[in-house]
């Protein structure tokens, strides 16, 4: 079943409220992103190991790293709407 638009992974909380809501929810979303990207990288490395050739999963790792840096910035560094109200 596909979750309704505007919800994160089937939960009832909207994506927008998670971005500015409870820090535990934001951290949980970040950890989920790390786990999903790690799984993608592991699958790519397994495919490379089975087929051989040049180490092409490095490109996937580079892309995943860039995504994680951006997500980490928005999760841990960037001010939220509640912090900017000053």
C-alpha atoms as a PDB file:
ATOM      1  CA  UNK A   1       0.000   0.000   0.000  1.00  0.00           C
ATOM      2  CA  UNK A   2       1.297   3.429  -0.938  1.00  0.00           C
ATOM      3  CA  UNK A   3       1.251   6.062   1.851  1.00  0.00           C
ATOM      4  CA  UNK A   4      -0.869   9.162   1.201  1.00  0.00           C
ATOM      5  CA  UNK A   5       0.810  12.216  -0.287  1.00  0.00           C
ATOM      6  CA  UNK A   6       2.564  14.381   2.287  1.00  0.00           C
ATOM      7  CA  UNK A   7       3.226  11.586   4.753  1.00  0.00           C
ATOM      8  CA  UNK A   8       6.570  10.019   5.516  1.00  0.00           C
ATOM      9  CA  UNK A   9       6.744   6.240   5.116  1.00  0.00           C
ATOM     10  CA  UNK A  10       3.124   5.633   6.033  1.00  0.00           C
ATOM     11  CA  UNK A  11       3.157   7.636   9.252  1.00  0.00           C
ATOM     12  CA  UNK A  12       0.479  10.205   9.929  1.00  0.00           C
ATOM     13  CA  UNK A  13       2.986  13.037  10.404  1.00  0.00           C
ATOM     14  CA  UNK A  14       3.568  15.234   7.405  1.00  0.00           C
ATOM     15  CA  UNK A  15       7.035  15.693   5.985  1.00  0.00           C
ATOM     16  CA  UNK A  16       6.891  19.413   6.758  1.00  0.00           C
ATOM     17  CA  UNK A  17       6.042  18.865  10.415  1.00  0.00           C
ATOM     18  CA  UNK A  18       8.895  16.352  10.711  1.00  0.00           C
ATOM     19  CA  UNK A  19      11.330  18.942   9.383  1.00  0.00           C
ATOM     20  CA  UNK A  20      10.476  21.460  12.091  1.00  0.00           C
ATOM     21  CA  UNK A  21       9.024  19.128  14.707  1.00  0.00           C
ATOM     22  CA  UNK A  22      10.459  16.853  17.312  1.00  0.00           C
ATOM     23  CA  UNK A  23      14.266  16.449  17.111  1.00  0.00           C
ATOM     24  CA  UNK A  24      13.885  12.715  17.746  1.00  0.00           C
ATOM     25  CA  UNK A  25      11.743  12.383  14.601  1.00  0.00           C
ATOM     26  CA  UNK A  26      14.277  14.355  12.590  1.00  0.00           C
ATOM     27  CA  UNK A  27      17.131  12.179  13.858  1.00  0.00           C
ATOM     28  CA  UNK A  28      15.100   9.035  13.148  1.00  0.00           C
ATOM     29  CA  UNK A  29      14.521  10.223   9.567  1.00  0.00           C
ATOM     30  CA  UNK A  30      18.254  10.888   9.155  1.00  0.00           C
ATOM     31  CA  UNK A  31      19.195   7.439  10.477  1.00  0.00           C
ATOM     32  CA  UNK A  32      16.650   5.873   8.124  1.00  0.00           C
ATOM     33  CA  UNK A  33      18.223   7.713   5.192  1.00  0.00           C
ATOM     34  CA  UNK A  34      21.700   6.492   6.215  1.00  0.00           C
ATOM     35  CA  UNK A  35      20.452   2.909   6.443  1.00  0.00           C
ATOM     36  CA  UNK A  36      18.759   3.007   3.036  1.00  0.00           C
ATOM     37  CA  UNK A  37      21.819   4.501   1.339  1.00  0.00           C
ATOM     38  CA  UNK A  38      24.113   1.958   3.030  1.00  0.00           C
ATOM     39  CA  UNK A  39      21.914  -0.849   1.695  1.00  0.00           C
ATOM     40  CA  UNK A  40      22.100   0.568  -1.837  1.00  0.00           C
ATOM     41  CA  UNK A  41      25.896   0.828  -1.613  1.00  0.00           C
ATOM     42  CA  UNK A  42      26.204  -2.725  -0.267  1.00  0.00           C
ATOM     43  CA  UNK A  43      24.062  -4.083  -3.092  1.00  0.00           C
ATOM     44  CA  UNK A  44      26.199  -2.239  -5.644  1.00  0.00           C
ATOM     45  CA  UNK A  45      29.415  -3.586  -4.109  1.00  0.00           C
ATOM     46  CA  UNK A  46      27.966  -7.120  -4.137  1.00  0.00           C
ATOM     47  CA  UNK A  47      27.056  -6.774  -7.832  1.00  0.00           C
ATOM     48  CA  UNK A  48      30.543  -5.446  -8.584  1.00  0.00           C
ATOM     49  CA  UNK A  49      32.155  -8.311  -6.640  1.00  0.00           C
ATOM     50  CA  UNK A  50      30.118 -10.838  -8.604  1.00  0.00           C
ATOM     51  CA  UNK A  51      30.877  -9.292 -11.990  1.00  0.00           C
ATOM     52  CA  UNK A  52      34.367  -7.822 -11.562  1.00  0.00           C
ATOM     53  CA  UNK A  53      35.864  -4.995 -13.571  1.00  0.00           C
ATOM     54  CA  UNK A  54      36.691  -1.474 -12.482  1.00  0.00           C
ATOM     55  CA  UNK A  55      35.337  -0.423  -9.081  1.00  0.00           C
ATOM     56  CA  UNK A  56      32.283   1.478 -10.345  1.00  0.00           C
ATOM     57  CA  UNK A  57      30.441   1.483  -6.956  1.00  0.00           C
ATOM     58  CA  UNK A  58      32.755   4.351  -6.003  1.00  0.00           C
ATOM     59  CA  UNK A  59      30.458   6.619  -8.046  1.00  0.00           C
ATOM     60  CA  UNK A  60      27.448   5.389  -6.094  1.00  0.00           C
ATOM     61  CA  UNK A  61      29.355   5.990  -2.858  1.00  0.00           C
ATOM     62  CA  UNK A  62      30.216   9.513  -3.968  1.00  0.00           C
ATOM     63  CA  UNK A  63      26.578  10.291  -4.721  1.00  0.00           C
ATOM     64  CA  UNK A  64      25.410   8.750  -1.449  1.00  0.00           C
ATOM     65  CA  UNK A  65      28.024  10.751   0.439  1.00  0.00           C
ATOM     66  CA  UNK A  66      26.838  13.996  -1.122  1.00  0.00           C
ATOM     67  CA  UNK A  67      23.242  13.182  -0.221  1.00  0.00           C
ATOM     68  CA  UNK A  68      24.263  12.410   3.362  1.00  0.00           C
ATOM     69  CA  UNK A  69      26.270  15.621   3.712  1.00  0.00           C
ATOM     70  CA  UNK A  70      23.277  17.652   2.542  1.00  0.00           C
ATOM     71  CA  UNK A  71      20.897  15.760   4.822  1.00  0.00           C
ATOM     72  CA  UNK A  72      23.267  16.067   7.800  1.00  0.00           C
ATOM     73  CA  UNK A  73      23.522  19.818   7.247  1.00  0.00           C
ATOM     74  CA  UNK A  74      19.757  20.231   7.197  1.00  0.00           C
ATOM     75  CA  UNK A  75      19.331  17.906  10.185  1.00  0.00           C
ATOM     76  CA  UNK A  76      22.061  19.150  12.521  1.00  0.00           C
ATOM     77  CA  UNK A  77      23.266  22.595  11.383  1.00  0.00           C
ATOM     78  CA  UNK A  78      20.598  24.572   9.517  1.00  0.00           C
ATOM     79  CA  UNK A  79      18.232  26.548  11.743  1.00  0.00           C
ATOM     80  CA  UNK A  80      14.618  25.424  11.802  1.00  0.00           C
ATOM     81  CA  UNK A  81      11.623  27.734  11.486  1.00  0.00           C
ATOM     82  CA  UNK A  82      11.187  27.698  15.273  1.00  0.00           C
ATOM     83  CA  UNK A  83      14.756  28.975  15.791  1.00  0.00           C
ATOM     84  CA  UNK A  84      14.437  31.798  13.239  1.00  0.00           C
ATOM     85  CA  UNK A  85      11.458  33.487  14.910  1.00  0.00           C
ATOM     86  CA  UNK A  86      13.723  35.860  16.883  1.00  0.00           C
END
